[in-house]
Amino acid sequence: MAGWSRAWLFLLCLAAGEAAAPQEAHIKEMVAAVFSPLSAKGSAGDLAIVPRYADMLVSKNVTSVLVAGTTGESLSLNVQERKNLGDAWAATAKTHGMKVYIHVGAESVVDTIALAQHAALTAGVAGLVCQTPTFFKPSVETLHDYLVEVGRKVPHLPLWYYHFPDKSGVLSGQAHLLLEMIHERKEIPNFAGIKFTDVNLMDFQLCQMVGGGAYNMLYGRDEQYLAAAALGADAPISSTVQFSPWLREVFRLTKLGKLWEAQGPQQAVAKLCSTFSAFEGSANVQKAVMQMVLPVGPSRLPYRDLSEGEASTLERDLRAEKLLDPKFSATYSAIAV
């Protein structure tokens, strides 16, 4: 029956229209880049924590999530694990009034399309975010064609490109060239915008100019969100909104047009993010910080978790600086992971 339900949902979505209406689907609220709950053995099957995780986010006025992105260790998970995560968050969204966006980018376009089609058949999924392949690096042209393939398979869902050149090594300083090609060729009618995770604000501004500002520009560098907001960023897609109050406050103030007042909170975000760079690259520092607020399980190789001593010292320092939320508690029992 479940398979039939998914098939009927897909047909109904297609009947509603050939393509999503990107302008109507634009994201204007904070989006939490959620961590993937893993067990001690490295399994991504500990999904019972998702409703509690959602409770915590809603308590902080964060009602949209990005599942299996960089923060969620996406490329370290297999396709079935990523599908299961998306299903768990979509099911939870129904009872929590949340929007769920699924990251579908993979090294193989076959896997990317499989993830996109699964998400399209999952009630509660609001849109798709797709990064570039990273080992066989595309050109602007072939990345455009890659996104065309994805967009054509799921025309009723809005699609965002996930730009993170520090991790991918792809199109550094050139996101605007991709967006210009997408805009000029018009082969992805459901293309909504870019999740821009880079410090190159000139490239960001050039993206803003494409189509007279027609595209939804979301910013992923928490440490300089205020600057991006002043340049027209619509909203942050963020890891730190889950465990620290300061970017949430920056977002609130920028929405009120109070950019001057937002400088202090933004400096607190920068201070928080600066502590992450004190650790070598294989250390999953932010997941360790998340554990200080809500347990979400260990990391998967090639990431490593912080040692008990490292985590304890880091938590002491962050709490002394008032950079962390308190541990999340609720009236029901905590779920062990």
Protein backbone atom coordinates (compact mmCIF):
# COMPACT_ATOMS: atom_id res chain seq x y z
CA MET A 1 0.00 0.00 0.00
CA ALA A 2 2.84 2.38 0.84
CA GLY A 3 4.20 2.06 -2.70
CA TRP A 4 0.76 2.79 -4.18
CA SER A 5 0.38 5.82 -1.90
CA ARG A 6 3.67 7.24 -3.11
CA ALA A 7 2.73 6.64 -6.74
CA TRP A 8 -0.65 8.34 -6.36
CA LEU A 9 1.01 11.28 -4.61
CA PHE A 10 3.44 11.67 -7.50
CA LEU A 11 0.63 11.61 -10.07
CA LEU A 12 -1.37 14.17 -8.12
CA CYS A 13 1.64 16.46 -7.90
CA LEU A 14 2.20 16.23 -11.64
CA ALA A 15 -1.48 16.87 -12.30
CA ALA A 16 -1.24 20.06 -10.22
CA GLY A 17 1.26 21.53 -12.69
CA GLU A 18 4.33 20.68 -14.70
CA ALA A 19 6.67 22.87 -12.71
CA ALA A 20 6.89 24.40 -9.28
CA ALA A 21 6.36 28.16 -8.91
CA PRO A 22 9.81 29.18 -7.60
CA GLN A 23 8.84 32.73 -6.57
CA GLU A 24 6.00 31.38 -4.43
CA ALA A 25 8.33 28.76 -2.96
CA HIS A 26 11.10 31.19 -1.96
CA ILE A 27 12.48 30.56 1.52
CA LYS A 28 12.29 33.59 3.80
CA GLU A 29 12.73 31.95 7.21
CA MET A 30 15.69 30.45 9.08
CA VAL A 31 16.55 26.92 8.01
CA ALA A 32 18.40 24.57 10.36
CA ALA A 33 20.98 22.36 8.67
CA VAL A 34 20.25 19.35 10.87
CA PHE A 35 22.70 16.74 12.07
CA SER A 36 22.15 13.10 11.16
CA PRO A 37 21.49 10.92 14.24
CA LEU A 38 23.92 8.02 14.26
CA SER A 39 24.39 5.15 16.68
CA ALA A 40 27.60 4.06 18.36
CA LYS A 41 28.08 1.59 15.50
CA GLY A 42 27.73 4.33 12.93
CA SER A 43 24.24 3.44 11.76
CA ALA A 44 21.92 6.22 10.61
CA GLY A 45 18.92 4.26 11.88
CA ASP A 46 18.41 6.09 15.20
CA LEU A 47 15.48 8.08 13.88
CA ALA A 48 13.36 8.00 17.04
CA ILE A 49 15.15 11.18 18.13
CA VAL A 50 13.75 13.19 15.20
CA PRO A 51 10.46 14.26 16.89
CA ARG A 52 12.40 15.42 19.97
CA TYR A 53 14.87 17.20 17.71
CA ALA A 54 11.95 18.93 16.00
CA ASP A 55 10.47 19.93 19.37
CA MET A 56 13.75 21.61 20.25
CA LEU A 57 13.91 23.54 16.99
CA VAL A 58 10.30 24.70 17.17
CA SER A 59 10.94 25.92 20.73
CA LYS A 60 13.52 28.27 19.16
CA ASN A 61 11.20 29.44 16.38
CA VAL A 62 13.11 27.42 13.79
CA THR A 63 10.50 25.68 11.68
CA SER A 64 12.38 24.70 8.52
CA VAL A 65 15.12 22.07 8.17
CA LEU A 66 17.63 20.97 5.56
CA VAL A 67 18.20 17.22 5.83
CA ALA A 68 21.46 15.43 4.92
CA GLY A 69 23.46 18.48 3.94
CA THR A 70 27.08 19.10 4.90
CA THR A 71 26.20 19.34 8.59
CA GLY A 72 24.28 16.08 8.18
CA GLU A 73 27.38 14.26 6.81
CA SER A 74 25.54 13.69 3.52
CA LEU A 75 28.20 12.02 1.39
CA SER A 76 29.16 9.73 4.27
CA LEU A 77 25.66 8.23 4.22
CA ASN A 78 24.37 5.78 1.66
CA VAL A 79 21.30 6.39 -0.47
CA GLN A 80 18.94 4.31 1.68
CA GLU A 81 20.07 6.03 4.87
CA ARG A 82 19.41 9.40 3.28
CA LYS A 83 15.95 8.31 2.15
CA ASN A 84 15.17 7.09 5.67
CA LEU A 85 16.27 10.41 7.18
CA GLY A 86 14.11 12.34 4.76
CA ASP A 87 11.12 10.14 5.54
CA ALA A 88 11.56 10.61 9.29
CA TRP A 89 11.76 14.39 9.05
CA ALA A 90 8.85 14.60 6.62
CA ALA A 91 6.66 12.50 8.92
CA THR A 92 7.60 14.69 11.88
CA ALA A 93 6.92 17.88 9.94
CA LYS A 94 3.23 17.02 9.73
CA THR A 95 2.80 17.24 13.50
CA HIS A 96 5.23 20.11 14.10
CA GLY A 97 4.19 22.57 11.39
CA MET A 98 7.62 22.41 9.79
CA LYS A 99 8.96 22.63 6.24
CA VAL A 100 11.46 20.00 5.14
CA TYR A 101 14.03 20.51 2.41
CA ILE A 102 16.03 17.48 1.27
CA HIS A 103 19.61 17.63 0.05
CA VAL A 104 19.88 15.19 -2.86
CA GLY A 105 23.34 15.92 -4.26
CA ALA A 106 25.60 12.88 -4.73
CA GLU A 107 28.66 11.84 -6.71
CA SER A 108 26.49 9.93 -9.20
CA VAL A 109 23.67 11.63 -11.08
CA VAL A 110 21.84 8.28 -10.86
CA ASP A 111 21.91 8.46 -7.04
CA THR A 112 20.95 12.14 -7.11
CA ILE A 113 17.90 11.41 -9.27
CA ALA A 114 16.93 8.45 -7.08
CA LEU A 115 17.05 10.66 -3.98
CA ALA A 116 15.13 13.43 -5.74
CA GLN A 117 12.39 11.11 -6.96
CA HIS A 118 12.04 9.54 -3.52
CA ALA A 119 11.70 12.97 -1.96
CA ALA A 120 9.13 13.90 -4.58
CA LEU A 121 7.01 10.95 -3.46
CA THR A 122 7.28 11.89 0.21
CA ALA A 123 4.44 13.97 1.62
CA GLY A 124 5.74 16.95 3.55
CA VAL A 125 8.85 17.67 1.47
CA ALA A 126 8.84 21.34 0.43
CA GLY A 127 11.83 21.38 -1.91
CA LEU A 128 15.19 19.99 -2.98
CA VAL A 129 18.73 21.26 -2.57
CA CYS A 130 21.46 19.80 -4.80
CA GLN A 131 25.21 20.15 -4.53
CA THR A 132 27.71 19.42 -7.28
CA PRO A 133 29.66 16.19 -7.70
CA THR A 134 33.04 16.80 -6.11
CA PHE A 135 35.51 14.13 -7.36
CA PHE A 136 34.91 14.42 -11.11
CA LYS A 137 34.55 18.17 -11.14
CA PRO A 138 32.08 19.70 -13.60
CA SER A 139 32.41 22.81 -15.69
CA VAL A 140 29.75 25.51 -15.56
CA GLU A 141 28.17 23.85 -18.61
CA THR A 142 28.11 20.30 -17.28
CA LEU A 143 26.94 21.37 -13.83
CA HIS A 144 24.09 23.22 -15.53
CA ASP A 145 23.22 20.04 -17.44
CA TYR A 146 23.43 17.99 -14.23
CA LEU A 147 20.87 20.26 -12.58
CA VAL A 148 18.68 20.11 -15.70
CA GLU A 149 18.54 16.32 -15.34
CA VAL A 150 17.46 16.62 -11.71
CA GLY A 151 14.93 19.37 -12.36
CA ARG A 152 13.27 17.45 -15.19
CA LYS A 153 12.74 14.39 -13.01
CA VAL A 154 10.93 16.34 -10.26
CA PRO A 155 9.35 19.35 -11.98
CA HIS A 156 6.76 20.00 -9.27
CA LEU A 157 9.32 20.65 -6.49
CA PRO A 158 11.47 23.82 -6.27
CA LEU A 159 15.18 23.16 -6.66
CA TRP A 160 18.11 25.10 -5.18
CA TYR A 161 21.78 24.69 -6.09
CA TYR A 162 24.06 24.15 -3.08
CA HIS A 163 27.23 26.20 -3.63
CA PHE A 164 30.07 25.36 -1.21
CA PRO A 165 33.38 25.75 -3.08
CA ASP A 166 35.59 25.39 0.01
CA LYS A 167 34.33 21.80 0.31
CA SER A 168 33.59 20.94 -3.32
CA GLY A 169 36.39 22.79 -5.12
CA VAL A 170 33.83 23.68 -7.81
CA LEU A 171 33.07 27.13 -9.30
CA SER A 172 34.87 29.20 -6.69
CA GLY A 173 33.83 32.79 -7.37
CA GLN A 174 31.72 31.63 -10.32
CA ALA A 175 28.28 30.82 -8.92
CA HIS A 176 26.93 33.81 -10.85
CA LEU A 177 28.06 32.24 -14.15
CA LEU A 178 26.01 29.14 -13.40
CA LEU A 179 23.00 31.22 -12.41
CA GLU A 180 23.30 33.34 -15.54
CA MET A 181 23.31 30.18 -17.68
CA ILE A 182 20.29 28.77 -15.84
CA HIS A 183 18.45 32.07 -16.30
CA GLU A 184 19.32 32.47 -19.98
CA ARG A 185 18.60 28.89 -21.08
CA LYS A 186 15.45 28.41 -18.99
CA GLU A 187 15.73 24.62 -19.00
CA ILE A 188 14.96 24.29 -15.26
CA PRO A 189 11.57 25.97 -14.75
CA ASN A 190 11.47 24.85 -11.12
CA PHE A 191 14.89 26.35 -10.27
CA ALA A 192 14.42 28.58 -7.23
CA GLY A 193 17.88 29.86 -6.25
CA ILE A 194 21.18 29.14 -4.52
CA LYS A 195 22.19 28.04 -1.07
CA PHE A 196 25.38 30.13 -1.10
CA THR A 197 28.02 28.93 1.37
CA ASP A 198 31.04 31.04 0.55
CA VAL A 199 32.76 34.20 1.78
CA ASN A 200 32.97 35.71 -1.72
CA LEU A 201 30.40 38.47 -1.39
CA MET A 202 31.17 39.91 -4.82
CA ASP A 203 30.07 36.64 -6.39
CA PHE A 204 27.02 36.72 -4.11
CA GLN A 205 26.11 40.21 -5.35
CA LEU A 206 26.52 39.18 -8.98
CA CYS A 207 24.10 36.32 -8.30
CA GLN A 208 21.66 38.82 -6.82
CA MET A 209 21.70 40.78 -10.08
CA VAL A 210 20.69 37.84 -12.30
CA GLY A 211 17.15 38.27 -13.57
CA GLY A 212 16.76 41.48 -11.61
CA GLY A 213 16.97 39.65 -8.30
CA ALA A 214 14.52 36.93 -9.31
CA TYR A 215 16.29 34.12 -7.47
CA ASN A 216 16.10 33.07 -3.83
CA MET A 217 19.54 33.65 -2.29
CA LEU A 218 20.15 31.79 0.97
CA TYR A 219 23.35 32.26 2.92
CA GLY A 220 25.33 29.54 4.64
CA ARG A 221 28.29 31.31 6.24
CA ASP A 222 26.95 32.08 9.72
CA GLU A 223 30.01 34.15 10.66
CA GLN A 224 29.14 36.86 8.14
CA TYR A 225 25.39 36.57 7.72
CA LEU A 226 24.80 40.22 8.63
CA ALA A 227 26.93 41.34 5.67
CA ALA A 228 25.04 39.02 3.34
CA ALA A 229 21.69 40.22 4.73
CA ALA A 230 22.70 43.83 4.02
CA LEU A 231 23.37 42.71 0.44
CA GLY A 232 19.96 41.09 0.11
CA ALA A 233 20.23 37.54 1.44
CA ASP A 234 16.74 36.17 2.02
CA ALA A 235 17.54 33.88 4.97
CA PRO A 236 20.27 31.77 6.56
CA ILE A 237 20.65 28.03 6.21
CA SER A 238 22.60 27.46 9.37
CA SER A 239 24.06 24.92 11.76
CA THR A 240 24.47 27.33 14.69
CA VAL A 241 20.80 28.38 14.97
CA GLN A 242 20.28 24.97 16.57
CA PHE A 243 22.63 25.39 19.51
CA SER A 244 23.31 29.10 19.90
CA PRO A 245 20.93 32.07 20.19
CA TRP A 246 23.00 34.65 18.36
CA LEU A 247 22.30 34.03 14.68
CA ARG A 248 18.62 33.73 15.50
CA GLU A 249 18.88 37.21 17.02
CA VAL A 250 20.79 38.55 14.00
CA PHE A 251 18.05 37.25 11.73
CA ARG A 252 15.30 38.77 13.88
CA LEU A 253 16.96 42.17 13.87
CA THR A 254 17.75 42.19 10.16
CA LYS A 255 14.12 41.39 9.37
CA LEU A 256 13.21 44.50 11.36
CA GLY A 257 15.77 46.55 9.43
CA LYS A 258 17.90 47.01 12.56
CA LEU A 259 21.27 46.24 11.02
CA TRP A 260 23.16 48.44 13.46
CA GLU A 261 21.72 46.63 16.49
CA ALA A 262 22.53 43.29 14.84
CA GLN A 263 26.28 43.96 14.93
CA GLY A 264 26.75 42.81 18.52
CA PRO A 265 24.92 39.48 18.02
CA GLN A 266 26.79 38.99 14.73
CA GLN A 267 30.11 39.44 16.54
CA ALA A 268 29.00 36.72 18.97
CA VAL A 269 28.34 34.43 16.01
CA ALA A 270 31.83 35.19 14.67
CA LYS A 271 33.33 34.44 18.07
CA LEU A 272 31.50 31.12 18.20
CA CYS A 273 32.56 30.12 14.69
CA SER A 274 36.16 31.13 15.33
CA THR A 275 36.44 28.45 18.02
CA PHE A 276 35.78 25.72 15.43
CA SER A 277 38.97 26.48 13.49
CA ALA A 278 41.11 25.66 16.53
CA PHE A 279 40.61 21.95 15.70
CA GLU A 280 42.07 20.03 12.77
CA GLY A 281 39.84 19.36 9.80
CA SER A 282 38.78 15.80 10.55
CA ALA A 283 37.28 16.80 13.92
CA ASN A 284 33.50 17.16 13.75
CA VAL A 285 33.46 20.13 16.11
CA GLN A 286 29.94 21.34 15.44
CA LYS A 287 28.42 17.94 16.10
CA ALA A 288 30.29 17.92 19.40
CA VAL A 289 28.80 21.34 20.19
CA MET A 290 25.33 20.09 19.29
CA GLN A 291 25.73 17.28 21.83
CA MET A 292 26.04 19.97 24.52
CA VAL A 293 22.44 20.99 23.78
CA LEU A 294 20.81 17.80 22.42
CA PRO A 295 22.46 14.38 21.96
CA VAL A 296 22.47 13.38 18.29
CA GLY A 297 24.95 10.50 18.32
CA PRO A 298 28.53 10.16 17.07
CA SER A 299 30.11 11.03 13.74
CA ARG A 300 30.98 8.69 10.91
CA LEU A 301 34.46 8.28 9.46
CA PRO A 302 36.35 10.09 8.02
CA TYR A 303 35.14 12.55 10.66
CA ARG A 304 36.23 11.97 14.23
CA ASP A 305 34.47 13.01 17.42
CA LEU A 306 36.18 15.20 19.97
CA SER A 307 37.73 13.46 22.94
CA GLU A 308 35.96 13.78 26.27
CA GLY A 309 38.62 16.25 27.41
CA GLU A 310 38.38 18.35 24.24
CA ALA A 311 34.59 18.49 24.43
CA SER A 312 34.57 19.32 28.13
CA THR A 313 37.05 22.19 27.71
CA LEU A 314 35.20 23.54 24.68
CA GLU A 315 31.84 23.47 26.46
CA ARG A 316 33.28 25.24 29.50
CA ASP A 317 34.70 27.99 27.31
CA LEU A 318 31.57 28.42 25.17
CA ARG A 319 29.28 28.58 28.18
CA ALA A 320 31.58 31.07 29.92
CA GLU A 321 31.25 33.28 26.82
CA LYS A 322 27.44 32.76 26.82
CA LEU A 323 27.60 31.43 23.28
CA LEU A 324 25.46 28.30 23.81
CA ASP A 325 21.82 27.54 24.43
CA PRO A 326 21.01 25.60 27.59
CA LYS A 327 20.59 21.85 27.33
CA PHE A 328 17.20 21.07 25.85
CA SER A 329 14.71 19.51 28.23
CA ALA A 330 11.05 18.61 27.88
CA THR A 331 8.35 17.02 29.95
CA TYR A 332 8.83 13.62 28.34
CA SER A 333 11.79 11.26 28.74
CA ALA A 334 15.01 11.85 26.88
CA ILE A 335 15.75 9.38 24.11
CA ALA A 336 19.13 7.68 24.36
CA VAL A 337 21.16 7.48 21.17
